[in-house]
Amino acid sequence: DPGNAAILVDKGSFLAHMGDHAEARTIALALSARNDLDYNVMFDLAVLFEVLGDREKAFEWLEEALRAGQPLKIVEVYPVLRNLRSTERYLEMKAALAEI
């Protein structure tokens, strides 16, 4: 199903890890324009943008995923997000979530 967001983000991730960043970015940006994404796909987009080196978009999608219901405990252990988790922005976001 070429319209399946979960399959597309997985394809983008595969392409990014194989070095085809241009095609992976095209997929990520196309998915970013959709308004029918669940928190799993939002989280996967955050990871994909982190792999692509676009930390700003990674944070945008991570925040969206968390607001939509992504469990923080998954974010806390996901290996690809290791460097992102050490940033001040992440620590502030995590503290803000704890207050809710």
PDB file of N, CA and C in Angstrom:
ATOM      1  N   ASP A   1       0.852  -1.184   0.000  1.00  0.00           N
ATOM      2  CA  ASP A   1       0.000   0.000   0.000  1.00  0.00           C
ATOM      3  C   ASP A   1       0.894   1.242   0.000  1.00  0.00           C
ATOM      4  N   PRO A   2       1.015   1.915  -1.117  1.00  0.00           N
ATOM      5  CA  PRO A   2       1.905   3.065  -1.212  1.00  0.00           C
ATOM      6  C   PRO A   2       1.461   4.275  -0.387  1.00  0.00           C
ATOM      7  N   GLY A   3       0.249   4.254   0.122  1.00  0.00           N
ATOM      8  CA  GLY A   3      -0.224   5.356   0.949  1.00  0.00           C
ATOM      9  C   GLY A   3      -0.115   5.094   2.435  1.00  0.00           C
ATOM     10  N   ASN A   4       0.347   3.908   2.803  1.00  0.00           N
ATOM     11  CA  ASN A   4       0.430   3.516   4.209  1.00  0.00           C
ATOM     12  C   ASN A   4       1.595   4.250   4.879  1.00  0.00           C
ATOM     13  N   ALA A   5       1.252   5.148   5.808  1.00  0.00           N
ATOM     14  CA  ALA A   5       2.267   5.982   6.451  1.00  0.00           C
ATOM     15  C   ALA A   5       3.309   5.154   7.201  1.00  0.00           C
ATOM     16  N   ALA A   6       2.881   4.100   7.861  1.00  0.00           N
ATOM     17  CA  ALA A   6       3.820   3.273   8.626  1.00  0.00           C
ATOM     18  C   ALA A   6       4.837   2.602   7.702  1.00  0.00           C
ATOM     19  N   ILE A   7       4.373   2.134   6.572  1.00  0.00           N
ATOM     20  CA  ILE A   7       5.283   1.500   5.610  1.00  0.00           C
ATOM     21  C   ILE A   7       6.220   2.541   5.007  1.00  0.00           C
ATOM     22  N   LEU A   8       5.679   3.713   4.698  1.00  0.00           N
ATOM     23  CA  LEU A   8       6.509   4.761   4.105  1.00  0.00           C
ATOM     24  C   LEU A   8       7.601   5.233   5.049  1.00  0.00           C
ATOM     25  N   VAL A   9       7.268   5.434   6.323  1.00  0.00           N
ATOM     26  CA  VAL A   9       8.305   5.892   7.258  1.00  0.00           C
ATOM     27  C   VAL A   9       9.358   4.802   7.464  1.00  0.00           C
ATOM     28  N   ASP A  10       8.936   3.539   7.435  1.00  0.00           N
ATOM     29  CA  ASP A  10       9.911   2.444   7.515  1.00  0.00           C
ATOM     30  C   ASP A  10      10.822   2.439   6.285  1.00  0.00           C
ATOM     31  N   LYS A  11      10.229   2.679   5.116  1.00  0.00           N
ATOM     32  CA  LYS A  11      11.036   2.759   3.893  1.00  0.00           C
ATOM     33  C   LYS A  11      12.035   3.907   3.988  1.00  0.00           C
ATOM     34  N   GLY A  12      11.569   5.055   4.480  1.00  0.00           N
ATOM     35  CA  GLY A  12      12.464   6.200   4.645  1.00  0.00           C
ATOM     36  C   GLY A  12      13.606   5.891   5.588  1.00  0.00           C
ATOM     37  N   SER A  13      13.291   5.211   6.671  1.00  0.00           N
ATOM     38  CA  SER A  13      14.321   4.841   7.642  1.00  0.00           C
ATOM     39  C   SER A  13      15.337   3.888   7.008  1.00  0.00           C
ATOM     40  N   PHE A  14      14.847   2.908   6.287  1.00  0.00           N
ATOM     41  CA  PHE A  14      15.730   1.966   5.601  1.00  0.00           C
ATOM     42  C   PHE A  14      16.657   2.714   4.639  1.00  0.00           C
ATOM     43  N   LEU A  15      16.065   3.605   3.833  1.00  0.00           N
ATOM     44  CA  LEU A  15      16.865   4.353   2.868  1.00  0.00           C
ATOM     45  C   LEU A  15      17.911   5.219   3.559  1.00  0.00           C
ATOM     46  N   ALA A  16      17.521   5.860   4.649  1.00  0.00           N
ATOM     47  CA  ALA A  16      18.463   6.712   5.381  1.00  0.00           C
ATOM     48  C   ALA A  16      19.626   5.895   5.922  1.00  0.00           C
ATOM     49  N   HIS A  17      19.327   4.745   6.477  1.00  0.00           N
ATOM     50  CA  HIS A  17      20.394   3.902   7.021  1.00  0.00           C
ATOM     51  C   HIS A  17      21.283   3.311   5.919  1.00  0.00           C
ATOM     52  N   MET A  18      20.747   3.218   4.710  1.00  0.00           N
ATOM     53  CA  MET A  18      21.533   2.716   3.577  1.00  0.00           C
ATOM     54  C   MET A  18      22.290   3.837   2.871  1.00  0.00           C
ATOM     55  N   GLY A  19      22.097   5.084   3.339  1.00  0.00           N
ATOM     56  CA  GLY A  19      22.846   6.198   2.784  1.00  0.00           C
ATOM     57  C   GLY A  19      22.107   7.041   1.762  1.00  0.00           C
ATOM     58  N   ASP A  20      20.871   6.673   1.428  1.00  0.00           N
ATOM     59  CA  ASP A  20      20.101   7.447   0.454  1.00  0.00           C
ATOM     60  C   ASP A  20      19.300   8.521   1.194  1.00  0.00           C
ATOM     61  N   HIS A  21      20.010   9.531   1.667  1.00  0.00           N
ATOM     62  CA  HIS A  21      19.371  10.569   2.471  1.00  0.00           C
ATOM     63  C   HIS A  21      18.404  11.426   1.661  1.00  0.00           C
ATOM     64  N   ALA A  22      18.694  11.630   0.387  1.00  0.00           N
ATOM     65  CA  ALA A  22      17.823  12.470  -0.441  1.00  0.00           C
ATOM     66  C   ALA A  22      16.433  11.845  -0.555  1.00  0.00           C
ATOM     67  N   GLU A  23      16.369  10.577  -0.887  1.00  0.00           N
ATOM     68  CA  GLU A  23      15.062   9.914  -1.026  1.00  0.00           C
ATOM     69  C   GLU A  23      14.381   9.773   0.334  1.00  0.00           C
ATOM     70  N   ALA A  24      15.151   9.490   1.366  1.00  0.00           N
ATOM     71  CA  ALA A  24      14.580   9.386   2.718  1.00  0.00           C
ATOM     72  C   ALA A  24      13.973  10.723   3.140  1.00  0.00           C
ATOM     73  N   ARG A  25      14.651  11.819   2.842  1.00  0.00           N
ATOM     74  CA  ARG A  25      14.137  13.153   3.180  1.00  0.00           C
ATOM     75  C   ARG A  25      12.864  13.461   2.391  1.00  0.00           C
ATOM     76  N   THR A  26      12.830  13.058   1.130  1.00  0.00           N
ATOM     77  CA  THR A  26      11.627  13.262   0.315  1.00  0.00           C
ATOM     78  C   THR A  26      10.433  12.563   0.955  1.00  0.00           C
ATOM     79  N   ILE A  27      10.633  11.346   1.397  1.00  0.00           N
ATOM     80  CA  ILE A  27       9.560  10.583   2.059  1.00  0.00           C
ATOM     81  C   ILE A  27       9.169  11.266   3.360  1.00  0.00           C
ATOM     82  N   ALA A  28      10.154  11.654   4.154  1.00  0.00           N
ATOM     83  CA  ALA A  28       9.871  12.282   5.453  1.00  0.00           C
ATOM     84  C   ALA A  28       9.091  13.577   5.278  1.00  0.00           C
ATOM     85  N   LEU A  29       9.458  14.380   4.309  1.00  0.00           N
ATOM     86  CA  LEU A  29       8.764  15.647   4.090  1.00  0.00           C
ATOM     87  C   LEU A  29       7.347  15.419   3.571  1.00  0.00           C
ATOM     88  N   ALA A  30       7.175  14.416   2.713  1.00  0.00           N
ATOM     89  CA  ALA A  30       5.825  14.091   2.229  1.00  0.00           C
ATOM     90  C   ALA A  30       4.938  13.637   3.390  1.00  0.00           C
ATOM     91  N   LEU A  31       5.479  12.819   4.261  1.00  0.00           N
ATOM     92  CA  LEU A  31       4.705  12.366   5.424  1.00  0.00           C
ATOM     93  C   LEU A  31       4.405  13.531   6.370  1.00  0.00           C
ATOM     94  N   SER A  32       5.336  14.456   6.486  1.00  0.00           N
ATOM     95  CA  SER A  32       5.157  15.603   7.372  1.00  0.00           C
ATOM     96  C   SER A  32       3.960  16.458   6.974  1.00  0.00           C
ATOM     97  N   ALA A  33       3.589  16.406   5.706  1.00  0.00           N
ATOM     98  CA  ALA A  33       2.476  17.208   5.211  1.00  0.00           C
ATOM     99  C   ALA A  33       1.112  16.554   5.482  1.00  0.00           C
ATOM    100  N   ARG A  34       1.128  15.324   5.934  1.00  0.00           N
ATOM    101  CA  ARG A  34      -0.135  14.611   6.182  1.00  0.00           C
ATOM    102  C   ARG A  34      -0.682  14.946   7.562  1.00  0.00           C
ATOM    103  N   ASN A  35      -1.984  14.813   7.699  1.00  0.00           N
ATOM    104  CA  ASN A  35      -2.613  15.084   8.993  1.00  0.00           C
ATOM    105  C   ASN A  35      -3.306  13.846   9.568  1.00  0.00           C
ATOM    106  N   ASP A  36      -2.936  12.688   9.070  1.00  0.00           N
ATOM    107  CA  ASP A  36      -3.577  11.447   9.519  1.00  0.00           C
ATOM    108  C   ASP A  36      -2.602  10.495  10.215  1.00  0.00           C
ATOM    109  N   LEU A  37      -1.533  11.035  10.780  1.00  0.00           N
ATOM    110  CA  LEU A  37      -0.487  10.195  11.362  1.00  0.00           C
ATOM    111  C   LEU A  37      -0.796   9.865  12.815  1.00  0.00           C
ATOM    112  N   ASP A  38      -0.560   8.615  13.184  1.00  0.00           N
ATOM    113  CA  ASP A  38      -0.700   8.247  14.596  1.00  0.00           C
ATOM    114  C   ASP A  38       0.637   8.468  15.298  1.00  0.00           C
ATOM    115  N   TYR A  39       0.639   8.328  16.617  1.00  0.00           N
ATOM    116  CA  TYR A  39       1.856   8.663  17.363  1.00  0.00           C
ATOM    117  C   TYR A  39       3.027   7.750  17.033  1.00  0.00           C
ATOM    118  N   ASN A  40       2.756   6.532  16.596  1.00  0.00           N
ATOM    119  CA  ASN A  40       3.854   5.643  16.214  1.00  0.00           C
ATOM    120  C   ASN A  40       4.596   6.189  14.995  1.00  0.00           C
ATOM    121  N   VAL A  41       3.840   6.626  14.005  1.00  0.00           N
ATOM    122  CA  VAL A  41       4.462   7.182  12.799  1.00  0.00           C
ATOM    123  C   VAL A  41       5.140   8.506  13.133  1.00  0.00           C
ATOM    124  N   MET A  42       4.514   9.317  13.985  1.00  0.00           N
ATOM    125  CA  MET A  42       5.138  10.584  14.407  1.00  0.00           C
ATOM    126  C   MET A  42       6.484  10.318  15.071  1.00  0.00           C
ATOM    127  N   PHE A  43       6.521   9.326  15.940  1.00  0.00           N
ATOM    128  CA  PHE A  43       7.768   8.965  16.611  1.00  0.00           C
ATOM    129  C   PHE A  43       8.805   8.489  15.592  1.00  0.00           C
ATOM    130  N   ASP A  44       8.370   7.634  14.674  1.00  0.00           N
ATOM    131  CA  ASP A  44       9.291   7.146  13.646  1.00  0.00           C
ATOM    132  C   ASP A  44       9.805   8.287  12.765  1.00  0.00           C
ATOM    133  N   LEU A  45       8.963   9.296  12.512  1.00  0.00           N
ATOM    134  CA  LEU A  45       9.427  10.469  11.774  1.00  0.00           C
ATOM    135  C   LEU A  45      10.488  11.228  12.566  1.00  0.00           C
ATOM    136  N   ALA A  46      10.285  11.345  13.868  1.00  0.00           N
ATOM    137  CA  ALA A  46      11.288  11.996  14.713  1.00  0.00           C
ATOM    138  C   ALA A  46      12.620  11.267  14.598  1.00  0.00           C
ATOM    139  N   VAL A  47      12.571   9.956  14.668  1.00  0.00           N
ATOM    140  CA  VAL A  47      13.790   9.147  14.552  1.00  0.00           C
ATOM    141  C   VAL A  47      14.418   9.331  13.171  1.00  0.00           C
ATOM    142  N   LEU A  48      13.594   9.299  12.135  1.00  0.00           N
ATOM    143  CA  LEU A  48      14.105   9.464  10.778  1.00  0.00           C
ATOM    144  C   LEU A  48      14.779  10.818  10.605  1.00  0.00           C
ATOM    145  N   PHE A  49      14.152  11.876  11.086  1.00  0.00           N
ATOM    146  CA  PHE A  49      14.779  13.193  10.968  1.00  0.00           C
ATOM    147  C   PHE A  49      16.068  13.266  11.779  1.00  0.00           C
ATOM    148  N   GLU A  50      16.128  12.594  12.903  1.00  0.00           N
ATOM    149  CA  GLU A  50      17.386  12.558  13.683  1.00  0.00           C
ATOM    150  C   GLU A  50      18.479  11.855  12.881  1.00  0.00           C
ATOM    151  N   VAL A  51      18.147  10.747  12.247  1.00  0.00           N
ATOM    152  CA  VAL A  51      19.120  10.029  11.417  1.00  0.00           C
ATOM    153  C   VAL A  51      19.591  10.914  10.264  1.00  0.00           C
ATOM    154  N   LEU A  52      18.669  11.710   9.728  1.00  0.00           N
ATOM    155  CA  LEU A  52      19.003  12.592   8.615  1.00  0.00           C
ATOM    156  C   LEU A  52      19.771  13.841   9.056  1.00  0.00           C
ATOM    157  N   GLY A  53      19.937  13.997  10.367  1.00  0.00           N
ATOM    158  CA  GLY A  53      20.691  15.134  10.874  1.00  0.00           C
ATOM    159  C   GLY A  53      19.877  16.410  11.015  1.00  0.00           C
ATOM    160  N   ASP A  54      18.563  16.293  10.975  1.00  0.00           N
ATOM    161  CA  ASP A  54      17.686  17.452  11.114  1.00  0.00           C
ATOM    162  C   ASP A  54      17.058  17.419  12.508  1.00  0.00           C
ATOM    163  N   ARG A  55      17.837  17.854  13.485  1.00  0.00           N
ATOM    164  CA  ARG A  55      17.402  17.769  14.878  1.00  0.00           C
ATOM    165  C   ARG A  55      16.171  18.636  15.149  1.00  0.00           C
ATOM    166  N   GLU A  56      16.053  19.775  14.490  1.00  0.00           N
ATOM    167  CA  GLU A  56      14.887  20.641  14.694  1.00  0.00           C
ATOM    168  C   GLU A  56      13.602  19.888  14.336  1.00  0.00           C
ATOM    169  N   LYS A  57      13.584  19.257  13.176  1.00  0.00           N
ATOM    170  CA  LYS A  57      12.401  18.489  12.777  1.00  0.00           C
ATOM    171  C   LYS A  57      12.233  17.254  13.661  1.00  0.00           C
ATOM    172  N   ALA A  58      13.332  16.672  14.091  1.00  0.00           N
ATOM    173  CA  ALA A  58      13.235  15.525  15.006  1.00  0.00           C
ATOM    174  C   ALA A  58      12.514  15.943  16.283  1.00  0.00           C
ATOM    175  N   PHE A  59      12.874  17.091  16.834  1.00  0.00           N
ATOM    176  CA  PHE A  59      12.200  17.576  18.036  1.00  0.00           C
ATOM    177  C   PHE A  59      10.739  17.897  17.775  1.00  0.00           C
ATOM    178  N   GLU A  60      10.455  18.522  16.645  1.00  0.00           N
ATOM    179  CA  GLU A  60       9.058  18.849  16.322  1.00  0.00           C
ATOM    180  C   GLU A  60       8.197  17.593  16.328  1.00  0.00           C
ATOM    181  N   TRP A  61       8.684  16.551  15.672  1.00  0.00           N
ATOM    182  CA  TRP A  61       7.899  15.320  15.585  1.00  0.00           C
ATOM    183  C   TRP A  61       7.883  14.555  16.897  1.00  0.00           C
ATOM    184  N   LEU A  62       8.957  14.627  17.648  1.00  0.00           N
ATOM    185  CA  LEU A  62       8.972  13.979  18.948  1.00  0.00           C
ATOM    186  C   LEU A  62       7.937  14.623  19.870  1.00  0.00           C
ATOM    187  N   GLU A  63       7.886  15.941  19.870  1.00  0.00           N
ATOM    188  CA  GLU A  63       6.893  16.641  20.688  1.00  0.00           C
ATOM    189  C   GLU A  63       5.474  16.287  20.251  1.00  0.00           C
ATOM    190  N   GLU A  64       5.244  16.224  18.938  1.00  0.00           N
ATOM    191  CA  GLU A  64       3.923  15.832  18.423  1.00  0.00           C
ATOM    192  C   GLU A  64       3.572  14.414  18.874  1.00  0.00           C
ATOM    193  N   ALA A  65       4.527  13.512  18.758  1.00  0.00           N
ATOM    194  CA  ALA A  65       4.282  12.119  19.139  1.00  0.00           C
ATOM    195  C   ALA A  65       3.946  12.005  20.618  1.00  0.00           C
ATOM    196  N   LEU A  66       4.676  12.721  21.448  1.00  0.00           N
ATOM    197  CA  LEU A  66       4.421  12.674  22.890  1.00  0.00           C
ATOM    198  C   LEU A  66       3.045  13.251  23.218  1.00  0.00           C
ATOM    199  N   ARG A  67       2.672  14.341  22.555  1.00  0.00           N
ATOM    200  CA  ARG A  67       1.337  14.914  22.776  1.00  0.00           C
ATOM    201  C   ARG A  67       0.232  13.961  22.329  1.00  0.00           C
ATOM    202  N   ALA A  68       0.532  13.162  21.301  1.00  0.00           N
ATOM    203  CA  ALA A  68      -0.465  12.233  20.753  1.00  0.00           C
ATOM    204  C   ALA A  68      -0.536  10.918  21.519  1.00  0.00           C
ATOM    205  N   GLY A  69       0.391  10.695  22.468  1.00  0.00           N
ATOM    206  CA  GLY A  69       0.316   9.489  23.281  1.00  0.00           C
ATOM    207  C   GLY A  69       1.532   8.582  23.282  1.00  0.00           C
ATOM    208  N   GLN A  70       2.581   8.973  22.585  1.00  0.00           N
ATOM    209  CA  GLN A  70       3.806   8.158  22.599  1.00  0.00           C
ATOM    210  C   GLN A  70       4.342   8.072  24.027  1.00  0.00           C
ATOM    211  N   PRO A  71       4.558   6.867  24.530  1.00  0.00           N
ATOM    212  CA  PRO A  71       5.104   6.744  25.888  1.00  0.00           C
ATOM    213  C   PRO A  71       6.545   7.270  25.972  1.00  0.00           C
ATOM    214  N   LEU A  72       6.799   8.099  26.953  1.00  0.00           N
ATOM    215  CA  LEU A  72       8.134   8.655  27.161  1.00  0.00           C
ATOM    216  C   LEU A  72       9.154   7.557  27.432  1.00  0.00           C
ATOM    217  N   LYS A  73       8.720   6.464  28.058  1.00  0.00           N
ATOM    218  CA  LYS A  73       9.661   5.391  28.389  1.00  0.00           C
ATOM    219  C   LYS A  73      10.296   4.789  27.130  1.00  0.00           C
ATOM    220  N   ILE A  74       9.595   4.819  26.003  1.00  0.00           N
ATOM    221  CA  ILE A  74      10.180   4.331  24.745  1.00  0.00           C
ATOM    222  C   ILE A  74      11.253   5.309  24.274  1.00  0.00           C
ATOM    223  N   VAL A  75      10.948   6.594  24.357  1.00  0.00           N
ATOM    224  CA  VAL A  75      11.906   7.626  23.948  1.00  0.00           C
ATOM    225  C   VAL A  75      13.175   7.518  24.787  1.00  0.00           C
ATOM    226  N   GLU A  76      13.009   7.226  26.048  1.00  0.00           N
ATOM    227  CA  GLU A  76      14.138   7.173  26.992  1.00  0.00           C
ATOM    228  C   GLU A  76      15.132   6.054  26.685  1.00  0.00           C
ATOM    229  N   VAL A  77      14.722   5.036  25.968  1.00  0.00           N
ATOM    230  CA  VAL A  77      15.625   3.912  25.711  1.00  0.00           C
ATOM    231  C   VAL A  77      15.943   3.702  24.229  1.00  0.00           C
ATOM    232  N   TYR A  78      15.338   4.484  23.352  1.00  0.00           N
ATOM    233  CA  TYR A  78      15.529   4.267  21.923  1.00  0.00           C
ATOM    234  C   TYR A  78      16.948   4.679  21.530  1.00  0.00           C
ATOM    235  N   PRO A  79      17.753   3.746  21.035  1.00  0.00           N
ATOM    236  CA  PRO A  79      19.176   4.001  20.803  1.00  0.00           C
ATOM    237  C   PRO A  79      19.472   5.166  19.849  1.00  0.00           C
ATOM    238  N   VAL A  80      18.712   5.308  18.784  1.00  0.00           N
ATOM    239  CA  VAL A  80      18.993   6.355  17.796  1.00  0.00           C
ATOM    240  C   VAL A  80      18.851   7.752  18.401  1.00  0.00           C
ATOM    241  N   LEU A  81      18.058   7.868  19.462  1.00  0.00           N
ATOM    242  CA  LEU A  81      17.823   9.172  20.076  1.00  0.00           C
ATOM    243  C   LEU A  81      18.776   9.478  21.232  1.00  0.00           C
ATOM    244  N   ARG A  82      19.787   8.669  21.402  1.00  0.00           N
ATOM    245  CA  ARG A  82      20.733   8.822  22.510  1.00  0.00           C
ATOM    246  C   ARG A  82      21.301  10.240  22.584  1.00  0.00           C
ATOM    247  N   ASN A  83      21.805  10.762  21.475  1.00  0.00           N
ATOM    248  CA  ASN A  83      22.407  12.093  21.486  1.00  0.00           C
ATOM    249  C   ASN A  83      21.358  13.185  21.680  1.00  0.00           C
ATOM    250  N   LEU A  84      20.198  13.003  21.122  1.00  0.00           N
ATOM    251  CA  LEU A  84      19.118  13.970  21.294  1.00  0.00           C
ATOM    252  C   LEU A  84      18.718  14.089  22.762  1.00  0.00           C
ATOM    253  N   ARG A  85      18.684  12.953  23.452  1.00  0.00           N
ATOM    254  CA  ARG A  85      18.269  12.942  24.861  1.00  0.00           C
ATOM    255  C   ARG A  85      19.229  13.699  25.769  1.00  0.00           C
ATOM    256  N   SER A  86      20.443  13.921  25.321  1.00  0.00           N
ATOM    257  CA  SER A  86      21.416  14.623  26.158  1.00  0.00           C
ATOM    258  C   SER A  86      21.372  16.139  25.973  1.00  0.00           C
ATOM    259  N   THR A  87      20.479  16.628  25.130  1.00  0.00           N
ATOM    260  CA  THR A  87      20.403  18.069  24.883  1.00  0.00           C
ATOM    261  C   THR A  87      19.551  18.762  25.943  1.00  0.00           C
ATOM    262  N   GLU A  88      19.832  20.036  26.103  1.00  0.00           N
ATOM    263  CA  GLU A  88      19.059  20.850  27.047  1.00  0.00           C
ATOM    264  C   GLU A  88      17.582  20.894  26.642  1.00  0.00           C
ATOM    265  N   ARG A  89      17.338  20.985  25.361  1.00  0.00           N
ATOM    266  CA  ARG A  89      15.940  21.052  24.887  1.00  0.00           C
ATOM    267  C   ARG A  89      15.165  19.799  25.288  1.00  0.00           C
ATOM    268  N   TYR A  90      15.779  18.647  25.139  1.00  0.00           N
ATOM    269  CA  TYR A  90      15.097  17.414  25.528  1.00  0.00           C
ATOM    270  C   TYR A  90      14.849  17.386  27.039  1.00  0.00           C
ATOM    271  N   LEU A  91      15.852  17.751  27.806  1.00  0.00           N
ATOM    272  CA  LEU A  91      15.694  17.728  29.259  1.00  0.00           C
ATOM    273  C   LEU A  91      14.581  18.682  29.705  1.00  0.00           C
ATOM    274  N   GLU A  92      14.474  19.825  29.058  1.00  0.00           N
ATOM    275  CA  GLU A  92      13.393  20.758  29.368  1.00  0.00           C
ATOM    276  C   GLU A  92      12.035  20.179  28.975  1.00  0.00           C
ATOM    277  N   MET A  93      11.974  19.550  27.808  1.00  0.00           N
ATOM    278  CA  MET A  93      10.733  18.937  27.350  1.00  0.00           C
ATOM    279  C   MET A  93      10.306  17.825  28.312  1.00  0.00           C
ATOM    280  N   LYS A  94      11.250  17.032  28.734  1.00  0.00           N
ATOM    281  CA  LYS A  94      10.966  15.937  29.666  1.00  0.00           C
ATOM    282  C   LYS A  94      10.466  16.492  31.005  1.00  0.00           C
ATOM    283  N   ALA A  95      11.094  17.551  31.487  1.00  0.00           N
ATOM    284  CA  ALA A  95      10.660  18.160  32.763  1.00  0.00           C
ATOM    285  C   ALA A  95       9.253  18.729  32.625  1.00  0.00           C
ATOM    286  N   ALA A  96       8.957  19.337  31.493  1.00  0.00           N
ATOM    287  CA  ALA A  96       7.616  19.896  31.263  1.00  0.00           C
ATOM    288  C   ALA A  96       6.568  18.791  31.249  1.00  0.00           C
ATOM    289  N   LEU A  97       6.909  17.659  30.667  1.00  0.00           N
ATOM    290  CA  LEU A  97       5.971  16.524  30.636  1.00  0.00           C
ATOM    291  C   LEU A  97       5.719  15.981  32.038  1.00  0.00           C
ATOM    292  N   ALA A  98       6.731  15.996  32.864  1.00  0.00           N
ATOM    293  CA  ALA A  98       6.582  15.491  34.241  1.00  0.00           C
ATOM    294  C   ALA A  98       5.626  16.346  35.044  1.00  0.00           C
ATOM    295  N   GLU A  99       5.505  17.607  34.663  1.00  0.00           N
ATOM    296  CA  GLU A  99       4.616  18.518  35.384  1.00  0.00           C
ATOM    297  C   GLU A  99       3.151  18.332  35.010  1.00  0.00           C
ATOM    298  N   ILE A 100       2.891  17.659  33.921  1.00  0.00           N
ATOM    299  CA  ILE A 100       1.504  17.467  33.465  1.00  0.00           C
ATOM    300  C   ILE A 100       0.829  16.356  34.233  1.00  0.00           C
TER     301      ILE A 100
END
